PDB file of N, CA and C in Angstrom:
ATOM      1  N   MET A   1       0.875  -1.163   0.483  1.00  0.00           N
ATOM      2  CA  MET A   1      -0.245   0.568   0.104  1.00  0.00           C
ATOM      3  C   MET A   1       0.745   0.885   0.210  1.00  0.00           C
ATOM      4  N   ILE A   2       2.193   1.423   0.809  1.00  0.00           N
ATOM      5  CA  ILE A   2       2.886   2.144   0.906  1.00  0.00           C
ATOM      6  C   ILE A   2       3.746   2.379  -0.271  1.00  0.00           C
ATOM      7  N   GLU A   3       4.412   1.969  -1.254  1.00  0.00           N
ATOM      8  CA  GLU A   3       4.539   1.380  -2.417  1.00  0.00           C
ATOM      9  C   GLU A   3       3.793   2.454  -3.305  1.00  0.00           C
ATOM     10  N   LEU A   4       2.115   2.207  -3.749  1.00  0.00           N
ATOM     11  CA  LEU A   4       1.676   2.294  -4.090  1.00  0.00           C
ATOM     12  C   LEU A   4       1.058   4.490  -3.879  1.00  0.00           C
ATOM     13  N   LEU A   5       1.438   4.208  -2.534  1.00  0.00           N
ATOM     14  CA  LEU A   5       1.111   5.777  -2.675  1.00  0.00           C
ATOM     15  C   LEU A   5       1.879   6.428  -2.533  1.00  0.00           C
ATOM     16  N   GLN A   6       3.978   6.175  -2.868  1.00  0.00           N
ATOM     17  CA  GLN A   6       5.233   6.706  -3.210  1.00  0.00           C
ATOM     18  C   GLN A   6       4.802   6.819  -5.059  1.00  0.00           C
ATOM     19  N   GLN A   7       4.102   6.304  -5.396  1.00  0.00           N
ATOM     20  CA  GLN A   7       3.895   6.166  -7.205  1.00  0.00           C
ATOM     21  C   GLN A   7       3.466   7.421  -7.311  1.00  0.00           C
ATOM     22  N   PHE A   8       2.753   8.160  -6.398  1.00  0.00           N
ATOM     23  CA  PHE A   8       1.120   9.193  -6.834  1.00  0.00           C
ATOM     24  C   PHE A   8       2.302  10.688  -7.346  1.00  0.00           C
ATOM     25  N   ASN A   9       1.864  11.223  -8.224  1.00  0.00           N
ATOM     26  CA  ASN A   9       2.757  12.162  -8.663  1.00  0.00           C
ATOM     27  C   ASN A   9       2.230  13.772  -7.568  1.00  0.00           C
ATOM     28  N   LYS A  10       2.723  14.162  -7.107  1.00  0.00           N
ATOM     29  CA  LYS A  10       2.230  15.265  -6.038  1.00  0.00           C
ATOM     30  C   LYS A  10       1.572  16.663  -7.462  1.00  0.00           C
ATOM     31  N   ALA A  11       2.665  16.734  -8.253  1.00  0.00           N
ATOM     32  CA  ALA A  11       1.954  17.133  -9.210  1.00  0.00           C
ATOM     33  C   ALA A  11       0.440  17.570  -9.431  1.00  0.00           C
ATOM     34  N   PHE A  12      -0.086  16.627  -9.244  1.00  0.00           N
ATOM     35  CA  PHE A  12      -1.375  16.590  -9.590  1.00  0.00           C
ATOM     36  C   PHE A  12      -2.113  16.107  -8.024  1.00  0.00           C
ATOM     37  N   GLU A  13      -1.355  16.599  -6.926  1.00  0.00           N
ATOM     38  CA  GLU A  13      -2.933  16.246  -5.677  1.00  0.00           C
ATOM     39  C   GLU A  13      -3.310  17.394  -5.789  1.00  0.00           C
ATOM     40  N   SER A  14      -3.476  18.735  -6.456  1.00  0.00           N
ATOM     41  CA  SER A  14      -4.259  20.116  -6.943  1.00  0.00           C
ATOM     42  C   SER A  14      -5.289  19.413  -7.665  1.00  0.00           C
ATOM     43  N   LYS A  15      -6.531  19.913  -6.847  1.00  0.00           N
ATOM     44  CA  LYS A  15      -7.890  19.568  -8.037  1.00  0.00           C
ATOM     45  C   LYS A  15      -7.237  20.858  -9.343  1.00  0.00           C
ATOM     46  N   ALA A  16      -7.027  21.576  -9.429  1.00  0.00           N
ATOM     47  CA  ALA A  16      -7.045  22.529 -10.927  1.00  0.00           C
ATOM     48  C   ALA A  16      -5.954  21.565 -11.158  1.00  0.00           C
ATOM     49  N   ARG A  17      -4.659  21.816 -10.818  1.00  0.00           N
ATOM     50  CA  ARG A  17      -3.774  20.807 -11.829  1.00  0.00           C
ATOM     51  C   ARG A  17      -4.300  19.130 -12.385  1.00  0.00           C
ATOM     52  N   LEU A  18      -4.912  18.863 -11.813  1.00  0.00           N
ATOM     53  CA  LEU A  18      -5.749  17.362 -12.592  1.00  0.00           C
ATOM     54  C   LEU A  18      -6.773  17.982 -13.056  1.00  0.00           C
ATOM     55  N   GLY A  19      -7.406  19.028 -12.873  1.00  0.00           N
ATOM     56  CA  GLY A  19      -8.668  18.993 -13.763  1.00  0.00           C
ATOM     57  C   GLY A  19      -7.518  19.534 -15.097  1.00  0.00           C
ATOM     58  N   ILE A  20      -6.559  20.880 -15.009  1.00  0.00           N
ATOM     59  CA  ILE A  20      -5.939  20.978 -16.349  1.00  0.00           C
ATOM     60  C   ILE A  20      -5.292  19.728 -17.170  1.00  0.00           C
ATOM     61  N   MET A  21      -4.920  19.421 -16.607  1.00  0.00           N
ATOM     62  CA  MET A  21      -4.228  17.645 -17.002  1.00  0.00           C
ATOM     63  C   MET A  21      -5.323  16.751 -17.964  1.00  0.00           C
ATOM     64  N   SER A  22      -6.504  16.991 -17.298  1.00  0.00           N
ATOM     65  CA  SER A  22      -7.470  15.911 -17.486  1.00  0.00           C
ATOM     66  C   SER A  22      -7.876  16.742 -18.956  1.00  0.00           C
ATOM     67  N   VAL A  23      -8.796  18.270 -18.641  1.00  0.00           N
ATOM     68  CA  VAL A  23      -8.740  18.594 -19.900  1.00  0.00           C
ATOM     69  C   VAL A  23      -7.788  18.484 -21.056  1.00  0.00           C
ATOM     70  N   LEU A  24      -6.131  18.728 -21.455  1.00  0.00           N
ATOM     71  CA  LEU A  24      -5.139  18.959 -21.757  1.00  0.00           C
ATOM     72  C   LEU A  24      -5.280  17.533 -22.776  1.00  0.00           C
ATOM     73  N   MET A  25      -5.576  16.585 -21.772  1.00  0.00           N
ATOM     74  CA  MET A  25      -5.808  15.047 -22.588  1.00  0.00           C
ATOM     75  C   MET A  25      -6.106  15.029 -23.298  1.00  0.00           C
ATOM     76  N   VAL A  26      -7.467  15.551 -23.447  1.00  0.00           N
ATOM     77  CA  VAL A  26      -7.568  15.100 -24.224  1.00  0.00           C
ATOM     78  C   VAL A  26      -8.469  16.216 -25.597  1.00  0.00           C
ATOM     79  N   ASN A  27      -7.736  17.039 -25.094  1.00  0.00           N
ATOM     80  CA  ASN A  27      -7.789  18.410 -26.194  1.00  0.00           C
ATOM     81  C   ASN A  27      -6.152  18.661 -26.847  1.00  0.00           C
ATOM     82  N   GLU A  28      -6.347  18.558 -27.726  1.00  0.00           N
ATOM     83  CA  GLU A  28      -4.614  18.976 -28.179  1.00  0.00           C
ATOM     84  C   GLU A  28      -4.251  20.416 -27.817  1.00  0.00           C
ATOM     85  N   SER A  29      -4.882  21.246 -27.174  1.00  0.00           N
ATOM     86  CA  SER A  29      -4.735  22.645 -27.007  1.00  0.00           C
ATOM     87  C   SER A  29      -5.793  23.191 -26.219  1.00  0.00           C
ATOM     88  N   VAL A  30      -5.651  24.470 -25.536  1.00  0.00           N
ATOM     89  CA  VAL A  30      -7.397  25.013 -25.099  1.00  0.00           C
ATOM     90  C   VAL A  30      -7.004  26.105 -24.333  1.00  0.00           C
ATOM     91  N   ASP A  31      -7.388  26.855 -25.278  1.00  0.00           N
ATOM     92  CA  ASP A  31      -7.007  29.053 -24.811  1.00  0.00           C
ATOM     93  C   ASP A  31      -7.811  28.740 -22.644  1.00  0.00           C
ATOM     94  N   PHE A  32      -6.694  29.672 -22.740  1.00  0.00           N
ATOM     95  CA  PHE A  32      -7.187  30.674 -21.099  1.00  0.00           C
ATOM     96  C   PHE A  32      -8.282  30.242 -20.720  1.00  0.00           C
ATOM     97  N   SER A  33      -9.292  31.150 -21.401  1.00  0.00           N
ATOM     98  CA  SER A  33     -10.491  31.374 -21.004  1.00  0.00           C
ATOM     99  C   SER A  33     -11.439  29.944 -20.827  1.00  0.00           C
ATOM    100  N   SER A  34     -11.360  29.714 -21.921  1.00  0.00           N
ATOM    101  CA  SER A  34     -12.150  28.274 -21.804  1.00  0.00           C
ATOM    102  C   SER A  34     -11.521  26.582 -20.989  1.00  0.00           C
ATOM    103  N   LEU A  35     -10.714  27.427 -20.411  1.00  0.00           N
ATOM    104  CA  LEU A  35      -9.599  26.949 -19.224  1.00  0.00           C
ATOM    105  C   LEU A  35     -10.153  26.872 -17.778  1.00  0.00           C
ATOM    106  N   LYS A  36     -10.207  28.263 -17.894  1.00  0.00           N
ATOM    107  CA  LYS A  36     -10.725  28.989 -16.777  1.00  0.00           C
ATOM    108  C   LYS A  36     -12.155  28.734 -16.642  1.00  0.00           C
ATOM    109  N   GLU A  37     -13.022  29.008 -17.268  1.00  0.00           N
ATOM    110  CA  GLU A  37     -14.762  28.298 -17.078  1.00  0.00           C
ATOM    111  C   GLU A  37     -15.471  27.448 -17.117  1.00  0.00           C
ATOM    112  N   LEU A  38     -14.218  25.876 -18.038  1.00  0.00           N
ATOM    113  CA  LEU A  38     -14.614  24.457 -17.223  1.00  0.00           C
ATOM    114  C   LEU A  38     -14.090  24.173 -16.192  1.00  0.00           C
ATOM    115  N   LEU A  39     -12.843  24.900 -15.885  1.00  0.00           N
ATOM    116  CA  LEU A  39     -12.353  24.433 -14.257  1.00  0.00           C
ATOM    117  C   LEU A  39     -13.245  25.492 -12.809  1.00  0.00           C
ATOM    118  N   GLN A  40     -13.714  26.193 -13.531  1.00  0.00           N
ATOM    119  CA  GLN A  40     -13.938  27.179 -12.296  1.00  0.00           C
ATOM    120  C   GLN A  40     -13.167  27.777 -11.370  1.00  0.00           C
ATOM    121  N   VAL A  41     -12.215  28.632 -11.623  1.00  0.00           N
ATOM    122  CA  VAL A  41     -11.139  28.296 -11.490  1.00  0.00           C
ATOM    123  C   VAL A  41     -10.827  30.181 -11.922  1.00  0.00           C
ATOM    124  N   THR A  42     -10.589  31.092 -10.638  1.00  0.00           N
ATOM    125  CA  THR A  42     -10.086  32.250 -10.729  1.00  0.00           C
ATOM    126  C   THR A  42      -8.500  32.800 -11.836  1.00  0.00           C
ATOM    127  N   ASP A  43      -9.055  33.621 -12.318  1.00  0.00           N
ATOM    128  CA  ASP A  43      -7.716  33.949 -13.242  1.00  0.00           C
ATOM    129  C   ASP A  43      -6.065  33.676 -12.432  1.00  0.00           C
ATOM    130  N   GLY A  44      -6.379  34.063 -11.647  1.00  0.00           N
ATOM    131  CA  GLY A  44      -4.676  33.709 -10.873  1.00  0.00           C
ATOM    132  C   GLY A  44      -4.575  32.556 -10.069  1.00  0.00           C
ATOM    133  N   ASN A  45      -5.655  31.766 -10.009  1.00  0.00           N
ATOM    134  CA  ASN A  45      -5.377  30.394  -9.503  1.00  0.00           C
ATOM    135  C   ASN A  45      -5.132  29.386 -10.880  1.00  0.00           C
ATOM    136  N   LEU A  46      -5.850  30.064 -11.964  1.00  0.00           N
ATOM    137  CA  LEU A  46      -5.268  29.263 -13.269  1.00  0.00           C
ATOM    138  C   LEU A  46      -3.918  29.316 -13.517  1.00  0.00           C
ATOM    139  N   ALA A  47      -3.524  30.792 -13.100  1.00  0.00           N
ATOM    140  CA  ALA A  47      -2.011  31.189 -13.725  1.00  0.00           C
ATOM    141  C   ALA A  47      -1.280  30.342 -12.799  1.00  0.00           C
ATOM    142  N   SER A  48      -1.471  30.291 -11.597  1.00  0.00           N
ATOM    143  CA  SER A  48      -0.592  29.640 -10.869  1.00  0.00           C
ATOM    144  C   SER A  48      -0.197  27.844 -10.803  1.00  0.00           C
ATOM    145  N   HIS A  49      -1.734  27.611 -10.574  1.00  0.00           N
ATOM    146  CA  HIS A  49      -1.319  26.211 -11.223  1.00  0.00           C
ATOM    147  C   HIS A  49      -0.612  25.687 -12.623  1.00  0.00           C
ATOM    148  N   ALA A  50      -0.698  26.619 -13.363  1.00  0.00           N
ATOM    149  CA  ALA A  50      -0.565  26.692 -14.393  1.00  0.00           C
ATOM    150  C   ALA A  50       0.771  26.571 -14.880  1.00  0.00           C
ATOM    151  N   LYS A  51       1.359  27.549 -14.243  1.00  0.00           N
ATOM    152  CA  LYS A  51       3.249  28.048 -14.330  1.00  0.00           C
ATOM    153  C   LYS A  51       3.785  26.912 -13.744  1.00  0.00           C
ATOM    154  N   ALA A  52       2.909  26.166 -12.542  1.00  0.00           N
ATOM    155  CA  ALA A  52       3.722  24.977 -11.489  1.00  0.00           C
ATOM    156  C   ALA A  52       3.591  24.161 -12.590  1.00  0.00           C
ATOM    157  N   LEU A  53       3.153  23.633 -13.499  1.00  0.00           N
ATOM    158  CA  LEU A  53       2.701  22.715 -14.137  1.00  0.00           C
ATOM    159  C   LEU A  53       3.972  22.774 -15.602  1.00  0.00           C
ATOM    160  N   GLU A  54       4.122  24.187 -15.781  1.00  0.00           N
ATOM    161  CA  GLU A  54       4.988  24.161 -16.844  1.00  0.00           C
ATOM    162  C   GLU A  54       6.588  24.454 -16.576  1.00  0.00           C
ATOM    163  N   GLU A  55       6.987  24.981 -15.297  1.00  0.00           N
ATOM    164  CA  GLU A  55       7.915  24.660 -14.357  1.00  0.00           C
ATOM    165  C   GLU A  55       8.267  23.062 -14.694  1.00  0.00           C
ATOM    166  N   LEU A  56       7.521  22.281 -14.944  1.00  0.00           N
ATOM    167  CA  LEU A  56       7.581  20.633 -14.362  1.00  0.00           C
ATOM    168  C   LEU A  56       7.800  20.063 -15.761  1.00  0.00           C
ATOM    169  N   LYS A  57       7.832  21.204 -16.741  1.00  0.00           N
ATOM    170  CA  LYS A  57       7.771  20.963 -18.471  1.00  0.00           C
ATOM    171  C   LYS A  57       6.809  19.697 -18.369  1.00  0.00           C
ATOM    172  N   TYR A  58       5.417  19.898 -17.590  1.00  0.00           N
ATOM    173  CA  TYR A  58       3.761  19.280 -18.276  1.00  0.00           C
ATOM    174  C   TYR A  58       2.967  19.883 -19.600  1.00  0.00           C
ATOM    175  N   ILE A  59       3.275  21.158 -19.315  1.00  0.00           N
ATOM    176  CA  ILE A  59       2.621  21.692 -20.135  1.00  0.00           C
ATOM    177  C   ILE A  59       3.623  22.474 -20.904  1.00  0.00           C
ATOM    178  N   VAL A  60       2.888  22.975 -22.083  1.00  0.00           N
ATOM    179  CA  VAL A  60       3.674  24.406 -23.035  1.00  0.00           C
ATOM    180  C   VAL A  60       2.700  25.956 -22.648  1.00  0.00           C
ATOM    181  N   VAL A  61       3.428  27.253 -22.944  1.00  0.00           N
ATOM    182  CA  VAL A  61       1.883  27.779 -22.628  1.00  0.00           C
ATOM    183  C   VAL A  61       2.468  28.922 -23.807  1.00  0.00           C
ATOM    184  N   HIS A  62       1.723  29.205 -24.550  1.00  0.00           N
ATOM    185  CA  HIS A  62       2.239  29.709 -25.764  1.00  0.00           C
ATOM    186  C   HIS A  62       1.408  31.326 -25.548  1.00  0.00           C
ATOM    187  N   LYS A  63       1.535  32.064 -25.595  1.00  0.00           N
ATOM    188  CA  LYS A  63       1.359  33.243 -25.254  1.00  0.00           C
ATOM    189  C   LYS A  63       1.626  34.422 -26.636  1.00  0.00           C
ATOM    190  N   GLN A  64       0.410  34.920 -27.562  1.00  0.00           N
ATOM    191  CA  GLN A  64       0.574  35.627 -28.879  1.00  0.00           C
ATOM    192  C   GLN A  64      -0.857  36.502 -28.840  1.00  0.00           C
ATOM    193  N   PHE A  65      -0.690  37.429 -29.805  1.00  0.00           N
ATOM    194  CA  PHE A  65      -1.568  38.438 -29.425  1.00  0.00           C
ATOM    195  C   PHE A  65      -2.274  38.329 -30.461  1.00  0.00           C
ATOM    196  N   ILE A  66      -3.698  38.038 -30.881  1.00  0.00           N
ATOM    197  CA  ILE A  66      -5.486  38.417 -31.635  1.00  0.00           C
ATOM    198  C   ILE A  66      -5.740  39.281 -31.865  1.00  0.00           C
ATOM    199  N   GLY A  67      -5.231  39.791 -32.769  1.00  0.00           N
ATOM    200  CA  GLY A  67      -5.336  41.725 -32.967  1.00  0.00           C
ATOM    201  C   GLY A  67      -4.494  41.916 -31.751  1.00  0.00           C
ATOM    202  N   LYS A  68      -5.777  43.045 -30.811  1.00  0.00           N
ATOM    203  CA  LYS A  68      -4.943  43.752 -29.918  1.00  0.00           C
ATOM    204  C   LYS A  68      -5.003  42.940 -28.244  1.00  0.00           C
ATOM    205  N   LYS A  69      -5.818  41.725 -28.288  1.00  0.00           N
ATOM    206  CA  LYS A  69      -6.415  40.905 -27.055  1.00  0.00           C
ATOM    207  C   LYS A  69      -4.959  39.938 -27.189  1.00  0.00           C
ATOM    208  N   PRO A  70      -5.194  40.017 -25.569  1.00  0.00           N
ATOM    209  CA  PRO A  70      -3.739  38.718 -25.314  1.00  0.00           C
ATOM    210  C   PRO A  70      -4.610  37.389 -25.704  1.00  0.00           C
ATOM    211  N   ASN A  71      -4.098  36.551 -26.276  1.00  0.00           N
ATOM    212  CA  ASN A  71      -3.978  34.844 -26.085  1.00  0.00           C
ATOM    213  C   ASN A  71      -3.138  33.665 -25.642  1.00  0.00           C
ATOM    214  N   THR A  72      -3.642  33.180 -24.955  1.00  0.00           N
ATOM    215  CA  THR A  72      -2.937  32.286 -24.156  1.00  0.00           C
ATOM    216  C   THR A  72      -3.570  30.680 -24.324  1.00  0.00           C
ATOM    217  N   THR A  73      -2.704  29.966 -24.903  1.00  0.00           N
ATOM    218  CA  THR A  73      -3.166  28.625 -24.728  1.00  0.00           C
ATOM    219  C   THR A  73      -2.138  27.924 -23.876  1.00  0.00           C
ATOM    220  N   TYR A  74      -2.489  26.299 -23.879  1.00  0.00           N
ATOM    221  CA  TYR A  74      -1.464  25.658 -23.404  1.00  0.00           C
ATOM    222  C   TYR A  74      -1.947  24.188 -23.950  1.00  0.00           C
ATOM    223  N   THR A  75      -0.638  23.246 -23.668  1.00  0.00           N
ATOM    224  CA  THR A  75      -0.895  22.007 -24.654  1.00  0.00           C
ATOM    225  C   THR A  75       0.295  20.667 -23.345  1.00  0.00           C
ATOM    226  N   ALA A  76      -0.280  19.749 -23.294  1.00  0.00           N
ATOM    227  CA  ALA A  76       0.193  18.885 -22.646  1.00  0.00           C
ATOM    228  C   ALA A  76       1.423  18.506 -23.403  1.00  0.00           C
ATOM    229  N   THR A  77       2.571  18.658 -22.712  1.00  0.00           N
ATOM    230  CA  THR A  77       3.563  17.822 -23.260  1.00  0.00           C
ATOM    231  C   THR A  77       4.014  16.392 -23.415  1.00  0.00           C
ATOM    232  N   GLU A  78       4.864  15.583 -24.382  1.00  0.00           N
ATOM    233  CA  GLU A  78       4.440  13.851 -24.038  1.00  0.00           C
ATOM    234  C   GLU A  78       4.872  13.629 -22.195  1.00  0.00           C
ATOM    235  N   LEU A  79       5.904  14.434 -21.926  1.00  0.00           N
ATOM    236  CA  LEU A  79       6.106  14.230 -20.694  1.00  0.00           C
ATOM    237  C   LEU A  79       5.204  14.308 -19.740  1.00  0.00           C
ATOM    238  N   GLY A  80       4.844  15.490 -19.881  1.00  0.00           N
ATOM    239  CA  GLY A  80       3.324  15.854 -18.793  1.00  0.00           C
ATOM    240  C   GLY A  80       2.222  14.629 -19.111  1.00  0.00           C
ATOM    241  N   LYS A  81       2.100  14.227 -20.255  1.00  0.00           N
ATOM    242  CA  LYS A  81       0.874  12.685 -20.343  1.00  0.00           C
ATOM    243  C   LYS A  81       1.064  11.833 -19.820  1.00  0.00           C
ATOM    244  N   GLN A  82       2.768  11.464 -20.498  1.00  0.00           N
ATOM    245  CA  GLN A  82       2.988   9.972 -19.487  1.00  0.00           C
ATOM    246  C   GLN A  82       2.992   9.983 -17.838  1.00  0.00           C
ATOM    247  N   ALA A  83       3.890  11.494 -17.582  1.00  0.00           N
ATOM    248  CA  ALA A  83       3.537  11.607 -15.690  1.00  0.00           C
ATOM    249  C   ALA A  83       1.993  11.598 -15.381  1.00  0.00           C
ATOM    250  N   PHE A  84       1.337  12.223 -16.124  1.00  0.00           N
ATOM    251  CA  PHE A  84      -0.255  11.900 -15.762  1.00  0.00           C
ATOM    252  C   PHE A  84      -1.077  10.222 -16.167  1.00  0.00           C
ATOM    253  N   ILE A  85      -0.230  10.080 -17.399  1.00  0.00           N
ATOM    254  CA  ILE A  85      -0.794   8.353 -17.050  1.00  0.00           C
ATOM    255  C   ILE A  85      -0.692   7.736 -15.750  1.00  0.00           C
ATOM    256  N   ASN A  86       1.291   7.933 -15.386  1.00  0.00           N
ATOM    257  CA  ASN A  86       1.565   6.987 -14.546  1.00  0.00           C
ATOM    258  C   ASN A  86       0.514   7.379 -13.558  1.00  0.00           C
ATOM    259  N   HIS A  87       0.124   8.820 -13.114  1.00  0.00           N
ATOM    260  CA  HIS A  87      -0.795   8.857 -11.645  1.00  0.00           C
ATOM    261  C   HIS A  87      -1.962   8.478 -11.561  1.00  0.00           C
ATOM    262  N   LEU A  88      -2.595   7.983 -12.965  1.00  0.00           N
ATOM    263  CA  LEU A  88      -3.745   7.795 -12.754  1.00  0.00           C
ATOM    264  C   LEU A  88      -3.052   6.479 -12.980  1.00  0.00           C
ATOM    265  N   ASN A  89      -2.389   5.405 -13.335  1.00  0.00           N
ATOM    266  CA  ASN A  89      -2.148   3.813 -13.180  1.00  0.00           C
ATOM    267  C   ASN A  89      -2.380   4.038 -12.281  1.00  0.00           C
ATOM    268  N   SER A  90      -1.602   4.692 -10.792  1.00  0.00           N
ATOM    269  CA  SER A  90      -1.338   3.950  -9.478  1.00  0.00           C
ATOM    270  C   SER A  90      -2.450   4.796  -8.958  1.00  0.00           C
ATOM    271  N   LEU A  91      -3.340   5.379  -9.138  1.00  0.00           N
ATOM    272  CA  LEU A  91      -4.518   5.318  -8.487  1.00  0.00           C
ATOM    273  C   LEU A  91      -5.776   4.037  -8.386  1.00  0.00           C
ATOM    274  N   GLU A  92      -5.673   4.031 -10.376  1.00  0.00           N
ATOM    275  CA  GLU A  92      -6.193   2.653 -10.282  1.00  0.00           C
ATOM    276  C   GLU A  92      -5.784   1.549  -9.264  1.00  0.00           C
ATOM    277  N   MET A  93      -4.256   1.404  -9.357  1.00  0.00           N
ATOM    278  CA  MET A  93      -3.891   0.425  -8.998  1.00  0.00           C
ATOM    279  C   MET A  93      -4.353   0.819  -7.729  1.00  0.00           C
ATOM    280  N   LEU A  94      -4.414   1.447  -6.686  1.00  0.00           N
ATOM    281  CA  LEU A  94      -4.722   1.893  -5.555  1.00  0.00           C
ATOM    282  C   LEU A  94      -6.074   1.107  -5.422  1.00  0.00           C
ATOM    283  N   LEU A  95      -7.017   2.376  -6.379  1.00  0.00           N
ATOM    284  CA  LEU A  95      -8.516   1.562  -5.918  1.00  0.00           C
ATOM    285  C   LEU A  95      -8.442  -0.084  -6.607  1.00  0.00           C
ATOM    286  N   LYS A  96      -7.678  -0.514  -7.219  1.00  0.00           N
ATOM    287  CA  LYS A  96      -7.966  -2.482  -7.385  1.00  0.00           C
ATOM    288  C   LYS A  96      -7.812  -3.193  -5.924  1.00  0.00           C
ATOM    289  N   SER A  97      -6.564  -2.084  -5.411  1.00  0.00           N
ATOM    290  CA  SER A  97      -5.855  -3.180  -4.068  1.00  0.00           C
ATOM    291  C   SER A  97      -6.589  -3.176  -3.112  1.00  0.00           C
ATOM    292  N   ASN A  98      -7.300  -2.128  -2.877  1.00  0.00           N
ATOM    293  CA  ASN A  98      -8.966  -1.618  -2.084  1.00  0.00           C
ATOM    294  C   ASN A  98      -9.840  -3.030  -1.497  1.00  0.00           C
ATOM    295  N   LYS A  99     -10.537  -3.899  -3.188  1.00  0.00           N
ATOM    296  CA  LYS A  99     -11.615  -4.689  -3.270  1.00  0.00           C
ATOM    297  C   LYS A  99     -11.189  -5.924  -2.281  1.00  0.00           C
TER     298      LYS A  99
END
């Protein structure tokens, strides 16, 4: 049991980070406003959690201007996708071990 718990990725302990990665696993990229609305988080909350995932190289943040409006999009990296899959697999093994 303790071995399974040690396999959890602390980067995904936060509900917001878990949500960000979940959305990015099924979408090639997602813009800031859409992600904020989907996750029901504040601008600052989303920005800080996205920054943490970016620092781990789990996501890539693309910033650009469309017309005169800033546009930020997020994309999961291969490293991030694999880390998230490993985390989910660990959760699944923990649940199966408790049956």
